[in-house]
C-alpha atoms as a PDB file:
ATOM      1  CA  UNK A   1      93.938  92.697 106.595  1.00  0.00           C
ATOM      2  CA  UNK A   2      92.191  95.831 107.786  1.00  0.00           C
ATOM      3  CA  UNK A   3      89.296  97.253 105.809  1.00  0.00           C
ATOM      4  CA  UNK A   4      89.836 100.863 106.927  1.00  0.00           C
ATOM      5  CA  UNK A   5      92.519 103.268 108.099  1.00  0.00           C
ATOM      6  CA  UNK A   6      93.609 103.496 111.729  1.00  0.00           C
ATOM      7  CA  UNK A   7      93.967 106.667 113.756  1.00  0.00           C
ATOM      8  CA  UNK A   8      96.228 107.336 116.762  1.00  0.00           C
ATOM      9  CA  UNK A   9      94.638 105.890 119.884  1.00  0.00           C
ATOM     10  CA  UNK A  10      93.071 102.851 118.181  1.00  0.00           C
ATOM     11  CA  UNK A  11      93.903  99.419 119.625  1.00  0.00           C
ATOM     12  CA  UNK A  12      94.632  96.815 116.949  1.00  0.00           C
ATOM     13  CA  UNK A  13      94.902  93.015 117.140  1.00  0.00           C
ATOM     14  CA  UNK A  14      97.812  91.715 115.059  1.00  0.00           C
ATOM     15  CA  UNK A  15      97.979  88.291 113.368  1.00  0.00           C
ATOM     16  CA  UNK A  16     101.136  87.221 115.238  1.00  0.00           C
ATOM     17  CA  UNK A  17     101.636  87.823 118.980  1.00  0.00           C
ATOM     18  CA  UNK A  18     104.597  89.789 120.318  1.00  0.00           C
ATOM     19  CA  UNK A  19     107.223  87.675 122.174  1.00  0.00           C
ATOM     20  CA  UNK A  20     105.766  88.977 125.469  1.00  0.00           C
ATOM     21  CA  UNK A  21     102.517  87.139 124.599  1.00  0.00           C
ATOM     22  CA  UNK A  22     100.241  90.082 123.804  1.00  0.00           C
ATOM     23  CA  UNK A  23      98.691  90.512 120.356  1.00  0.00           C
ATOM     24  CA  UNK A  24      97.167  93.932 121.129  1.00  0.00           C
ATOM     25  CA  UNK A  25      98.947  97.084 119.942  1.00  0.00           C
ATOM     26  CA  UNK A  26      98.041 100.768 120.296  1.00  0.00           C
ATOM     27  CA  UNK A  27      98.502 102.989 117.250  1.00  0.00           C
ATOM     28  CA  UNK A  28     100.560 106.012 118.330  1.00  0.00           C
ATOM     29  CA  UNK A  29     101.536 107.565 115.006  1.00  0.00           C
ATOM     30  CA  UNK A  30     100.276 107.471 111.417  1.00  0.00           C
ATOM     31  CA  UNK A  31     101.732 108.639 108.130  1.00  0.00           C
ATOM     32  CA  UNK A  32     104.045 106.888 105.667  1.00  0.00           C
ATOM     33  CA  UNK A  33     105.091 104.698 108.605  1.00  0.00           C
ATOM     34  CA  UNK A  34     102.833 103.509 111.425  1.00  0.00           C
ATOM     35  CA  UNK A  35     104.027 103.674 115.039  1.00  0.00           C
ATOM     36  CA  UNK A  36     102.562 101.038 117.350  1.00  0.00           C
ATOM     37  CA  UNK A  37     103.125 100.258 121.034  1.00  0.00           C
ATOM     38  CA  UNK A  38     102.633  96.810 122.573  1.00  0.00           C
ATOM     39  CA  UNK A  39      99.855  96.785 125.194  1.00  0.00           C
ATOM     40  CA  UNK A  40     101.657  93.996 127.089  1.00  0.00           C
ATOM     41  CA  UNK A  41     105.210  95.267 127.573  1.00  0.00           C
ATOM     42  CA  UNK A  42     105.212  98.781 126.060  1.00  0.00           C
ATOM     43  CA  UNK A  43     107.678  97.997 123.240  1.00  0.00           C
ATOM     44  CA  UNK A  44     107.467 100.605 120.432  1.00  0.00           C
ATOM     45  CA  UNK A  45     107.788  99.656 116.743  1.00  0.00           C
ATOM     46  CA  UNK A  46     107.699 101.683 113.525  1.00  0.00           C
ATOM     47  CA  UNK A  47     106.727  99.852 110.331  1.00  0.00           C
ATOM     48  CA  UNK A  48     105.748 100.785 106.788  1.00  0.00           C
ATOM     49  CA  UNK A  49     102.009 101.325 106.278  1.00  0.00           C
ATOM     50  CA  UNK A  50     101.755  98.519 103.700  1.00  0.00           C
ATOM     51  CA  UNK A  51     103.298  95.956 106.086  1.00  0.00           C
ATOM     52  CA  UNK A  52     101.101  97.156 108.970  1.00  0.00           C
ATOM     53  CA  UNK A  53      97.908  96.851 106.920  1.00  0.00           C
ATOM     54  CA  UNK A  54      98.898  93.296 105.948  1.00  0.00           C
ATOM     55  CA  UNK A  55      99.794  92.211 109.522  1.00  0.00           C
ATOM     56  CA  UNK A  56      96.824  93.804 111.325  1.00  0.00           C
ATOM     57  CA  UNK A  57      93.850  91.538 111.919  1.00  0.00           C
ATOM     58  CA  UNK A  58      91.160  93.811 113.387  1.00  0.00           C
ATOM     59  CA  UNK A  59      90.530  97.049 115.258  1.00  0.00           C
ATOM     60  CA  UNK A  60      89.535  96.174 118.823  1.00  0.00           C
ATOM     61  CA  UNK A  61      88.714  99.658 120.117  1.00  0.00           C
ATOM     62  CA  UNK A  62      88.476 102.933 118.285  1.00  0.00           C
ATOM     63  CA  UNK A  63      89.334 106.323 119.668  1.00  0.00           C
END
């Protein structure tokens, strides 16, 4: 679980890898829902903030 808020442009490591094999995601949108894009295949996902904060492991790079 993350200890702080993310901003667009941050790269986040998730607990479970995407089916393409990458566990790195770039935050593209914040608000009630968080938009993230897979760094491996480019797949875009929107998820509720609460679920994102639970699934995110760490911030790898900050913008």
